[in-house]
Amino acid sequence: MNTSPETGSLACVGIGITLGSHISPLARSHIEQADVVFTAVSDGLVELWLKEMHTDVRSLQPFYSEGKSRVQTYREMVEAMMTEVRANKRVCGVFYGHPGVFAWAPHKAIEVARQEGYRAHMEPGISSEDCLYADVGIDPGRYGCQHYDATQFMLCHRHVDPSAWLILWQVGLAGEQTSKRFSTGAAHRQVLVEILSRDYPLDHEVVVYRANTLPFQAPRIERMALSALPQADLNMSDTMAVPPSQPLREDSDIRARLAALDAAVTTD
C-alpha cells in the first residue's frame, strides 16, 4: 500500500432513481466540490442536470460498445476515475440509485483508491429496492425478502422460501453469461420460469417492476402469471417481485422455549 500523503480523493455518490428528487445534500456537496465529476448515467437529461452543478462532467458511457465485455468496460471506468485521482484531483463518480447496489465499478474504484493510499468514500442513495417497497407496497419485515440477481439465481443452487417475497433483479438479463449483451429473450426466461416452478405454481401472480427515473413518469407495475414471463417485454432495468405463495410456518418448539424464557424472567 502507498502510505505517502496524497491530496487526491474519490467519492462515489448515488443520486437516487428519480431525477432531482432523491439526491441528498451530502451527495450534492461532493459533486459541487469535486475537481472532476464522472457520471455513469445514460440519460441525457441527467447529464444536463449534473452540468448545472459542475462545469467538468465527463460521461463514462462511451466505454460501452456493442459486443464488448461489460467487465472490460467497468475496468476502464475505474481506470478513468483513478487517473484523475492519481493526478491529485478530487474526483466524484456519480451513479444511479445507490452506488453500491448492482454497481461493480464504484466498489472497485474505492478499493483501488484506498489500496493506493487515497481517501475514498461511498455516499449511499435511494435505490430501486427502496422505490420497489414504496411503489408496490412491500414491507420486508412482514414476510421477509430474498434478493438475487436473476442470472446468479439461475446458475446457483438457491434454497427458496416460498413464504417470503422473492426479488429477482435485472430479470431482462436473465441467463446472460457472456457479459456482452444487454438483454436476453423468451428462451432464457423460460428456463427461469421452469426453475421457479419448482417452488411456485405457474399461475402464481408475479410483479414486473421498473422505477420511474423522471418526475413526470409513472413506475412500471405490471402483474402477470409466472407462465407469462417469457413473452413479457423486459429490459435490464426491470425487476421481478414474486409474492409469497405459502403461509409462514410456525416453529412451535422454538415458540415454547421462548415462552419459557419469558416466564422465567417474569418470576425472577
C-alpha atoms as a PDB file:
ATOM      1  CA  MET A   1       0.000   0.000   0.000  1.00  0.00           C
ATOM      2  CA  ASN A   2       1.173   3.512  -0.765  1.00  0.00           C
ATOM      3  CA  THR A   3       1.330   5.271   2.604  1.00  0.00           C
ATOM      4  CA  SER A   4       2.645   8.638   1.412  1.00  0.00           C
ATOM      5  CA  PRO A   5       0.285  11.581   1.886  1.00  0.00           C
ATOM      6  CA  GLU A   6      -1.828  12.225  -1.199  1.00  0.00           C
ATOM      7  CA  THR A   7      -4.272  15.001  -1.887  1.00  0.00           C
ATOM      8  CA  GLY A   8      -6.295  13.149  -4.491  1.00  0.00           C
ATOM      9  CA  SER A   9      -9.581  11.661  -3.361  1.00  0.00           C
ATOM     10  CA  LEU A  10     -12.564   9.750  -4.670  1.00  0.00           C
ATOM     11  CA  ALA A  11     -16.222   9.952  -3.710  1.00  0.00           C
ATOM     12  CA  CYS A  12     -18.731   7.650  -5.399  1.00  0.00           C
ATOM     13  CA  VAL A  13     -22.198   9.034  -4.792  1.00  0.00           C
ATOM     14  CA  GLY A  14     -25.729   7.880  -5.501  1.00  0.00           C
ATOM     15  CA  ILE A  15     -28.216  10.374  -6.886  1.00  0.00           C
ATOM     16  CA  GLY A  16     -31.218   8.130  -6.399  1.00  0.00           C
ATOM     17  CA  ILE A  17     -33.566   6.959  -9.113  1.00  0.00           C
ATOM     18  CA  THR A  18     -35.888   9.870  -9.885  1.00  0.00           C
ATOM     19  CA  LEU A  19     -34.135  12.901 -11.380  1.00  0.00           C
ATOM     20  CA  GLY A  20     -33.681  15.718  -8.865  1.00  0.00           C
ATOM     21  CA  SER A  21     -35.956  14.163  -6.261  1.00  0.00           C
ATOM     22  CA  HIS A  22     -33.674  11.720  -4.476  1.00  0.00           C
ATOM     23  CA  ILE A  23     -30.268  13.373  -4.235  1.00  0.00           C
ATOM     24  CA  SER A  24     -29.054  14.045  -0.694  1.00  0.00           C
ATOM     25  CA  PRO A  25     -27.404  17.290   0.393  1.00  0.00           C
ATOM     26  CA  LEU A  26     -24.148  15.426   1.038  1.00  0.00           C
ATOM     27  CA  ALA A  27     -24.125  13.830  -2.423  1.00  0.00           C
ATOM     28  CA  ARG A  28     -24.742  17.242  -3.982  1.00  0.00           C
ATOM     29  CA  SER A  29     -21.893  18.684  -1.922  1.00  0.00           C
ATOM     30  CA  HIS A  30     -19.478  16.018  -3.186  1.00  0.00           C
ATOM     31  CA  ILE A  31     -20.464  16.851  -6.775  1.00  0.00           C
ATOM     32  CA  GLU A  32     -20.151  20.614  -6.346  1.00  0.00           C
ATOM     33  CA  GLN A  33     -16.811  20.486  -4.526  1.00  0.00           C
ATOM     34  CA  ALA A  34     -15.078  17.997  -6.843  1.00  0.00           C
ATOM     35  CA  ASP A  35     -12.411  18.953  -9.361  1.00  0.00           C
ATOM     36  CA  VAL A  36     -13.731  16.392 -11.849  1.00  0.00           C
ATOM     37  CA  VAL A  37     -17.117  14.653 -11.994  1.00  0.00           C
ATOM     38  CA  PHE A  38     -17.586  11.347 -13.816  1.00  0.00           C
ATOM     39  CA  THR A  39     -21.063  10.027 -14.476  1.00  0.00           C
ATOM     40  CA  ALA A  40     -22.218   6.564 -15.459  1.00  0.00           C
ATOM     41  CA  VAL A  41     -25.830   7.613 -16.045  1.00  0.00           C
ATOM     42  CA  SER A  42     -27.179   7.029 -19.534  1.00  0.00           C
ATOM     43  CA  ASP A  43     -29.865   9.712 -19.625  1.00  0.00           C
ATOM     44  CA  GLY A  44     -29.007  12.980 -21.354  1.00  0.00           C
ATOM     45  CA  LEU A  45     -31.354  14.934 -19.085  1.00  0.00           C
ATOM     46  CA  VAL A  46     -29.473  13.701 -16.032  1.00  0.00           C
ATOM     47  CA  GLU A  47     -26.165  14.756 -17.575  1.00  0.00           C
ATOM     48  CA  LEU A  48     -27.522  18.240 -18.272  1.00  0.00           C
ATOM     49  CA  TRP A  49     -28.774  18.450 -14.682  1.00  0.00           C
ATOM     50  CA  LEU A  50     -25.335  17.477 -13.370  1.00  0.00           C
ATOM     51  CA  LYS A  51     -23.701  20.117 -15.554  1.00  0.00           C
ATOM     52  CA  GLU A  52     -25.769  22.723 -13.742  1.00  0.00           C
ATOM     53  CA  MET A  53     -23.891  21.689 -10.587  1.00  0.00           C
ATOM     54  CA  HIS A  54     -20.397  21.367 -12.077  1.00  0.00           C
ATOM     55  CA  THR A  55     -18.557  22.603 -15.150  1.00  0.00           C
ATOM     56  CA  ASP A  56     -16.437  19.472 -15.706  1.00  0.00           C
ATOM     57  CA  VAL A  57     -18.779  16.499 -16.036  1.00  0.00           C
ATOM     58  CA  ARG A  58     -17.402  13.560 -18.014  1.00  0.00           C
ATOM     59  CA  SER A  59     -19.587  10.692 -19.190  1.00  0.00           C
ATOM     60  CA  LEU A  60     -18.440   7.116 -18.695  1.00  0.00           C
ATOM     61  CA  GLN A  61     -20.989   5.866 -21.217  1.00  0.00           C
ATOM     62  CA  PRO A  62     -18.552   5.898 -24.214  1.00  0.00           C
ATOM     63  CA  PHE A  63     -16.742   2.957 -22.643  1.00  0.00           C
ATOM     64  CA  TYR A  64     -19.733   0.794 -23.555  1.00  0.00           C
ATOM     65  CA  SER A  65     -19.864  -0.658 -27.064  1.00  0.00           C
ATOM     66  CA  GLU A  66     -21.760  -3.445 -28.830  1.00  0.00           C
ATOM     67  CA  GLY A  67     -20.121  -6.819 -28.372  1.00  0.00           C
ATOM     68  CA  LYS A  68     -17.640  -5.555 -25.770  1.00  0.00           C
ATOM     69  CA  SER A  69     -17.431  -7.273 -22.413  1.00  0.00           C
ATOM     70  CA  ARG A  70     -19.035  -5.239 -19.643  1.00  0.00           C
ATOM     71  CA  VAL A  71     -16.242  -6.409 -17.353  1.00  0.00           C
ATOM     72  CA  GLN A  72     -13.714  -4.640 -19.582  1.00  0.00           C
ATOM     73  CA  THR A  73     -15.945  -1.565 -19.697  1.00  0.00           C
ATOM     74  CA  TYR A  74     -16.145  -1.418 -15.914  1.00  0.00           C
ATOM     75  CA  ARG A  75     -12.363  -1.756 -15.577  1.00  0.00           C
ATOM     76  CA  GLU A  76     -11.895   1.128 -17.979  1.00  0.00           C
ATOM     77  CA  MET A  77     -14.326   3.231 -15.957  1.00  0.00           C
ATOM     78  CA  VAL A  78     -12.303   2.562 -12.814  1.00  0.00           C
ATOM     79  CA  GLU A  79      -9.069   3.475 -14.575  1.00  0.00           C
ATOM     80  CA  ALA A  80     -10.550   6.717 -15.942  1.00  0.00           C
ATOM     81  CA  MET A  81     -11.525   7.837 -12.442  1.00  0.00           C
ATOM     82  CA  MET A  82      -8.263   6.673 -10.878  1.00  0.00           C
ATOM     83  CA  THR A  83      -6.176   8.516 -13.481  1.00  0.00           C
ATOM     84  CA  GLU A  84      -7.589  11.783 -12.168  1.00  0.00           C
ATOM     85  CA  VAL A  85      -7.276  10.709  -8.533  1.00  0.00           C
ATOM     86  CA  ARG A  86      -3.592   9.926  -9.151  1.00  0.00           C
ATOM     87  CA  ALA A  87      -3.240  13.427 -10.578  1.00  0.00           C
ATOM     88  CA  ASN A  88      -4.211  14.541  -7.049  1.00  0.00           C
ATOM     89  CA  LYS A  89      -7.659  15.763  -8.007  1.00  0.00           C
ATOM     90  CA  ARG A  90     -10.848  15.488  -6.012  1.00  0.00           C
ATOM     91  CA  VAL A  91     -12.903  13.089  -8.111  1.00  0.00           C
ATOM     92  CA  CYS A  92     -16.609  12.385  -7.803  1.00  0.00           C
ATOM     93  CA  GLY A  93     -18.232   9.422  -9.523  1.00  0.00           C
ATOM     94  CA  VAL A  94     -21.992   9.781  -9.943  1.00  0.00           C
ATOM     95  CA  PHE A  95     -24.185   6.701 -10.237  1.00  0.00           C
ATOM     96  CA  TYR A  96     -27.885   5.959 -10.422  1.00  0.00           C
ATOM     97  CA  GLY A  97     -29.624   4.882  -7.259  1.00  0.00           C
ATOM     98  CA  HIS A  98     -27.214   3.584  -4.644  1.00  0.00           C
ATOM     99  CA  PRO A  99     -23.606   3.413  -5.929  1.00  0.00           C
ATOM    100  CA  GLY A 100     -23.010   0.153  -4.095  1.00  0.00           C
ATOM    101  CA  VAL A 101     -26.011  -1.742  -5.447  1.00  0.00           C
ATOM    102  CA  PHE A 102     -25.512  -3.671  -8.704  1.00  0.00           C
ATOM    103  CA  ALA A 103     -22.517  -1.488  -9.499  1.00  0.00           C
ATOM    104  CA  TRP A 104     -19.088  -3.131  -9.739  1.00  0.00           C
ATOM    105  CA  ALA A 105     -17.085  -0.067 -10.773  1.00  0.00           C
ATOM    106  CA  PRO A 106     -17.723   2.104  -7.675  1.00  0.00           C
ATOM    107  CA  HIS A 107     -16.762  -0.703  -5.295  1.00  0.00           C
ATOM    108  CA  LYS A 108     -13.619  -1.493  -7.281  1.00  0.00           C
ATOM    109  CA  ALA A 109     -12.599   2.150  -7.689  1.00  0.00           C
ATOM    110  CA  ILE A 110     -12.878   2.751  -3.946  1.00  0.00           C
ATOM    111  CA  GLU A 111     -10.931  -0.431  -3.245  1.00  0.00           C
ATOM    112  CA  VAL A 112      -8.104   0.594  -5.612  1.00  0.00           C
ATOM    113  CA  ALA A 113      -8.017   4.165  -4.312  1.00  0.00           C
ATOM    114  CA  ARG A 114      -7.681   3.021  -0.709  1.00  0.00           C
ATOM    115  CA  GLN A 115      -5.016   0.468  -1.619  1.00  0.00           C
ATOM    116  CA  GLU A 116      -3.002   3.257  -3.210  1.00  0.00           C
ATOM    117  CA  GLY A 117      -3.325   5.491  -0.157  1.00  0.00           C
ATOM    118  CA  TYR A 118      -6.022   7.890  -1.340  1.00  0.00           C
ATOM    119  CA  ARG A 119      -9.117   8.916   0.571  1.00  0.00           C
ATOM    120  CA  ALA A 120     -12.196   7.210  -0.839  1.00  0.00           C
ATOM    121  CA  HIS A 121     -15.820   7.352   0.233  1.00  0.00           C
ATOM    122  CA  MET A 122     -19.150   5.902  -0.901  1.00  0.00           C
ATOM    123  CA  GLU A 123     -22.226   8.039  -0.334  1.00  0.00           C
ATOM    124  CA  PRO A 124     -25.461   5.998  -0.397  1.00  0.00           C
ATOM    125  CA  GLY A 125     -28.524   6.910  -2.374  1.00  0.00           C
ATOM    126  CA  ILE A 126     -32.129   5.832  -2.792  1.00  0.00           C
ATOM    127  CA  SER A 127     -32.072   2.571  -4.748  1.00  0.00           C
ATOM    128  CA  SER A 128     -34.564   0.706  -6.906  1.00  0.00           C
ATOM    129  CA  GLU A 129     -35.155  -1.529  -3.910  1.00  0.00           C
ATOM    130  CA  ASP A 130     -36.339   1.450  -1.867  1.00  0.00           C
ATOM    131  CA  CYS A 131     -38.636   2.533  -4.696  1.00  0.00           C
ATOM    132  CA  LEU A 132     -39.968  -1.014  -5.063  1.00  0.00           C
ATOM    133  CA  TYR A 133     -41.024  -1.151  -1.418  1.00  0.00           C
ATOM    134  CA  ALA A 134     -42.812   2.189  -1.722  1.00  0.00           C
ATOM    135  CA  ASP A 135     -44.474   1.715  -5.121  1.00  0.00           C
ATOM    136  CA  VAL A 136     -45.556  -1.928  -4.821  1.00  0.00           C
ATOM    137  CA  GLY A 137     -46.361  -1.675  -1.115  1.00  0.00           C
ATOM    138  CA  ILE A 138     -43.958  -4.285   0.207  1.00  0.00           C
ATOM    139  CA  ASP A 139     -42.949  -4.302   3.863  1.00  0.00           C
ATOM    140  CA  PRO A 140     -39.855  -6.558   4.010  1.00  0.00           C
ATOM    141  CA  GLY A 141     -40.395  -7.020   7.734  1.00  0.00           C
ATOM    142  CA  ARG A 142     -43.800  -8.660   7.334  1.00  0.00           C
ATOM    143  CA  TYR A 143     -42.895 -11.850   5.480  1.00  0.00           C
ATOM    144  CA  GLY A 144     -39.205 -11.325   4.770  1.00  0.00           C
ATOM    145  CA  CYS A 145     -37.439 -10.796   1.431  1.00  0.00           C
ATOM    146  CA  GLN A 146     -34.947 -12.785  -0.605  1.00  0.00           C
ATOM    147  CA  HIS A 147     -32.931 -10.781  -3.150  1.00  0.00           C
ATOM    148  CA  TYR A 148     -30.941 -12.288  -6.021  1.00  0.00           C
ATOM    149  CA  ASP A 149     -29.547 -11.286  -9.357  1.00  0.00           C
ATOM    150  CA  ALA A 150     -31.722 -13.197 -11.834  1.00  0.00           C
ATOM    151  CA  THR A 151     -28.808 -14.848 -13.643  1.00  0.00           C
ATOM    152  CA  GLN A 152     -26.999 -15.791 -10.440  1.00  0.00           C
ATOM    153  CA  PHE A 153     -30.263 -17.248  -9.160  1.00  0.00           C
ATOM    154  CA  MET A 154     -30.465 -19.427 -12.270  1.00  0.00           C
ATOM    155  CA  LEU A 155     -26.844 -20.568 -12.197  1.00  0.00           C
ATOM    156  CA  CYS A 156     -26.535 -21.361  -8.495  1.00  0.00           C
ATOM    157  CA  HIS A 157     -28.437 -23.709  -6.217  1.00  0.00           C
ATOM    158  CA  ARG A 158     -30.619 -21.479  -4.055  1.00  0.00           C
ATOM    159  CA  HIS A 159     -32.969 -22.547  -1.276  1.00  0.00           C
ATOM    160  CA  VAL A 160     -36.127 -20.566  -1.939  1.00  0.00           C
ATOM    161  CA  ASP A 161     -38.534 -19.814   0.888  1.00  0.00           C
ATOM    162  CA  PRO A 162     -41.973 -19.527  -0.773  1.00  0.00           C
ATOM    163  CA  SER A 163     -43.402 -17.954   2.378  1.00  0.00           C
ATOM    164  CA  ALA A 164     -41.271 -14.810   1.806  1.00  0.00           C
ATOM    165  CA  TRP A 165     -41.044 -12.344  -1.066  1.00  0.00           C
ATOM    166  CA  LEU A 166     -38.558 -13.278  -3.778  1.00  0.00           C
ATOM    167  CA  ILE A 167     -36.982 -10.320  -5.600  1.00  0.00           C
ATOM    168  CA  LEU A 168     -35.071 -11.035  -8.815  1.00  0.00           C
ATOM    169  CA  TRP A 169     -33.014  -8.141 -10.162  1.00  0.00           C
ATOM    170  CA  GLN A 170     -32.202  -7.464 -13.821  1.00  0.00           C
ATOM    171  CA  VAL A 171     -34.730 -10.041 -14.961  1.00  0.00           C
ATOM    172  CA  GLY A 172     -34.418  -8.729 -18.530  1.00  0.00           C
ATOM    173  CA  LEU A 173     -30.861 -10.102 -18.462  1.00  0.00           C
ATOM    174  CA  ALA A 174     -31.867 -13.458 -17.010  1.00  0.00           C
ATOM    175  CA  GLY A 175     -29.432 -16.174 -18.065  1.00  0.00           C
ATOM    176  CA  GLU A 176     -26.893 -13.791 -19.650  1.00  0.00           C
ATOM    177  CA  GLN A 177     -23.397 -15.290 -19.267  1.00  0.00           C
ATOM    178  CA  THR A 178     -21.341 -13.517 -21.947  1.00  0.00           C
ATOM    179  CA  SER A 179     -21.206 -10.057 -20.275  1.00  0.00           C
ATOM    180  CA  LYS A 180     -21.610  -8.658 -23.786  1.00  0.00           C
ATOM    181  CA  ARG A 181     -25.389  -8.483 -24.217  1.00  0.00           C
ATOM    182  CA  PHE A 182     -27.842  -6.069 -22.647  1.00  0.00           C
ATOM    183  CA  SER A 183     -30.881  -8.363 -22.801  1.00  0.00           C
ATOM    184  CA  THR A 184     -31.918 -11.967 -23.239  1.00  0.00           C
ATOM    185  CA  GLY A 185     -35.034 -13.397 -24.785  1.00  0.00           C
ATOM    186  CA  ALA A 186     -38.013 -15.631 -24.195  1.00  0.00           C
ATOM    187  CA  ALA A 187     -35.989 -18.863 -24.270  1.00  0.00           C
ATOM    188  CA  HIS A 188     -33.765 -17.727 -21.410  1.00  0.00           C
ATOM    189  CA  ARG A 189     -36.743 -16.546 -19.365  1.00  0.00           C
ATOM    190  CA  GLN A 190     -38.493 -19.849 -19.976  1.00  0.00           C
ATOM    191  CA  VAL A 191     -35.601 -21.536 -18.185  1.00  0.00           C
ATOM    192  CA  LEU A 192     -36.120 -19.124 -15.282  1.00  0.00           C
ATOM    193  CA  VAL A 193     -39.825 -19.972 -15.211  1.00  0.00           C
ATOM    194  CA  GLU A 194     -39.007 -23.684 -15.072  1.00  0.00           C
ATOM    195  CA  ILE A 195     -36.663 -23.106 -12.139  1.00  0.00           C
ATOM    196  CA  LEU A 196     -39.261 -21.048 -10.282  1.00  0.00           C
ATOM    197  CA  SER A 197     -41.969 -23.623 -10.995  1.00  0.00           C
ATOM    198  CA  ARG A 198     -40.193 -25.921  -8.545  1.00  0.00           C
ATOM    199  CA  ASP A 199     -41.498 -23.692  -5.762  1.00  0.00           C
ATOM    200  CA  TYR A 200     -44.371 -21.690  -7.313  1.00  0.00           C
ATOM    201  CA  PRO A 201     -47.391 -22.696  -9.411  1.00  0.00           C
ATOM    202  CA  LEU A 202     -47.323 -21.437 -12.999  1.00  0.00           C
ATOM    203  CA  ASP A 203     -50.459 -19.371 -12.415  1.00  0.00           C
ATOM    204  CA  HIS A 204     -48.888 -17.604  -9.419  1.00  0.00           C
ATOM    205  CA  GLU A 205     -49.047 -13.829  -9.885  1.00  0.00           C
ATOM    206  CA  VAL A 206     -45.719 -12.010 -10.121  1.00  0.00           C
ATOM    207  CA  VAL A 207     -44.967  -8.305 -10.434  1.00  0.00           C
ATOM    208  CA  VAL A 208     -42.661  -6.796 -13.049  1.00  0.00           C
ATOM    209  CA  TYR A 209     -41.379  -3.503 -11.678  1.00  0.00           C
ATOM    210  CA  ARG A 210     -39.370  -0.585 -13.060  1.00  0.00           C
ATOM    211  CA  ALA A 211     -38.859   2.594 -11.038  1.00  0.00           C
ATOM    212  CA  ASN A 212     -39.535   5.932 -12.698  1.00  0.00           C
ATOM    213  CA  THR A 213     -36.377   7.925 -13.465  1.00  0.00           C
ATOM    214  CA  LEU A 214     -38.159  11.178 -14.353  1.00  0.00           C
ATOM    215  CA  PRO A 215     -40.666  13.002 -12.114  1.00  0.00           C
ATOM    216  CA  PHE A 216     -43.397  13.039 -14.770  1.00  0.00           C
ATOM    217  CA  GLN A 217     -43.180   9.281 -15.357  1.00  0.00           C
ATOM    218  CA  ALA A 218     -45.067   6.567 -13.550  1.00  0.00           C
ATOM    219  CA  PRO A 219     -43.357   3.403 -12.352  1.00  0.00           C
ATOM    220  CA  ARG A 220     -43.995   0.174 -14.216  1.00  0.00           C
ATOM    221  CA  ILE A 221     -46.041  -2.166 -12.035  1.00  0.00           C
ATOM    222  CA  GLU A 222     -47.282  -4.987 -14.238  1.00  0.00           C
ATOM    223  CA  ARG A 223     -48.874  -8.068 -12.734  1.00  0.00           C
ATOM    224  CA  MET A 224     -48.910 -11.319 -14.662  1.00  0.00           C
ATOM    225  CA  ALA A 225     -48.936 -15.067 -14.200  1.00  0.00           C
ATOM    226  CA  LEU A 226     -45.497 -16.612 -13.805  1.00  0.00           C
ATOM    227  CA  SER A 227     -46.091 -18.577 -17.004  1.00  0.00           C
ATOM    228  CA  ALA A 228     -46.449 -15.311 -18.978  1.00  0.00           C
ATOM    229  CA  LEU A 229     -42.965 -14.053 -18.118  1.00  0.00           C
ATOM    230  CA  PRO A 230     -41.195 -15.332 -21.282  1.00  0.00           C
ATOM    231  CA  GLN A 231     -43.476 -13.232 -23.511  1.00  0.00           C
ATOM    232  CA  ALA A 232     -43.152 -10.061 -21.410  1.00  0.00           C
ATOM    233  CA  ASP A 233     -41.354  -7.005 -22.801  1.00  0.00           C
ATOM    234  CA  LEU A 234     -38.404  -6.611 -20.429  1.00  0.00           C
ATOM    235  CA  ASN A 235     -35.114  -4.758 -20.239  1.00  0.00           C
ATOM    236  CA  MET A 236     -32.185  -4.755 -17.816  1.00  0.00           C
ATOM    237  CA  SER A 237     -33.873  -2.153 -15.589  1.00  0.00           C
ATOM    238  CA  ASP A 238     -36.812  -4.442 -14.807  1.00  0.00           C
ATOM    239  CA  THR A 239     -37.151  -6.289 -11.525  1.00  0.00           C
ATOM    240  CA  MET A 240     -39.465  -9.192 -10.781  1.00  0.00           C
ATOM    241  CA  ALA A 241     -41.119  -9.404  -7.381  1.00  0.00           C
ATOM    242  CA  VAL A 242     -42.646 -12.776  -6.510  1.00  0.00           C
ATOM    243  CA  PRO A 243     -45.151 -12.603  -3.625  1.00  0.00           C
ATOM    244  CA  PRO A 244     -45.291 -15.410  -1.065  1.00  0.00           C
ATOM    245  CA  SER A 245     -47.164 -18.469  -2.269  1.00  0.00           C
ATOM    246  CA  GLN A 246     -47.296 -20.228   1.092  1.00  0.00           C
ATOM    247  CA  PRO A 247     -48.123 -19.095   4.637  1.00  0.00           C
ATOM    248  CA  LEU A 248     -45.448 -18.716   7.273  1.00  0.00           C
ATOM    249  CA  ARG A 249     -44.911 -21.935   9.216  1.00  0.00           C
ATOM    250  CA  GLU A 250     -44.572 -21.521  12.929  1.00  0.00           C
ATOM    251  CA  ASP A 251     -41.833 -23.379  14.813  1.00  0.00           C
ATOM    252  CA  SER A 252     -43.819 -24.465  17.868  1.00  0.00           C
ATOM    253  CA  ASP A 253     -40.770 -25.847  19.687  1.00  0.00           C
ATOM    254  CA  ILE A 254     -38.921 -22.527  19.485  1.00  0.00           C
ATOM    255  CA  ARG A 255     -42.061 -20.614  20.478  1.00  0.00           C
ATOM    256  CA  ALA A 256     -42.381 -22.824  23.545  1.00  0.00           C
ATOM    257  CA  ARG A 257     -38.725 -22.318  24.504  1.00  0.00           C
ATOM    258  CA  LEU A 258     -39.022 -18.553  24.191  1.00  0.00           C
ATOM    259  CA  ALA A 259     -42.249 -18.575  26.210  1.00  0.00           C
ATOM    260  CA  ALA A 260     -40.462 -20.499  28.959  1.00  0.00           C
ATOM    261  CA  LEU A 261     -37.655 -17.925  28.971  1.00  0.00           C
ATOM    262  CA  ASP A 262     -40.203 -15.096  29.208  1.00  0.00           C
ATOM    263  CA  ALA A 263     -41.937 -16.876  32.085  1.00  0.00           C
ATOM    264  CA  ALA A 264     -38.632 -17.307  33.908  1.00  0.00           C
ATOM    265  CA  VAL A 265     -37.843 -13.598  33.566  1.00  0.00           C
ATOM    266  CA  THR A 266     -41.308 -12.702  34.892  1.00  0.00           C
ATOM    267  CA  THR A 267     -40.906 -14.839  38.003  1.00  0.00           C
ATOM    268  CA  ASP A 268     -37.397 -13.545  38.838  1.00  0.00           C
END
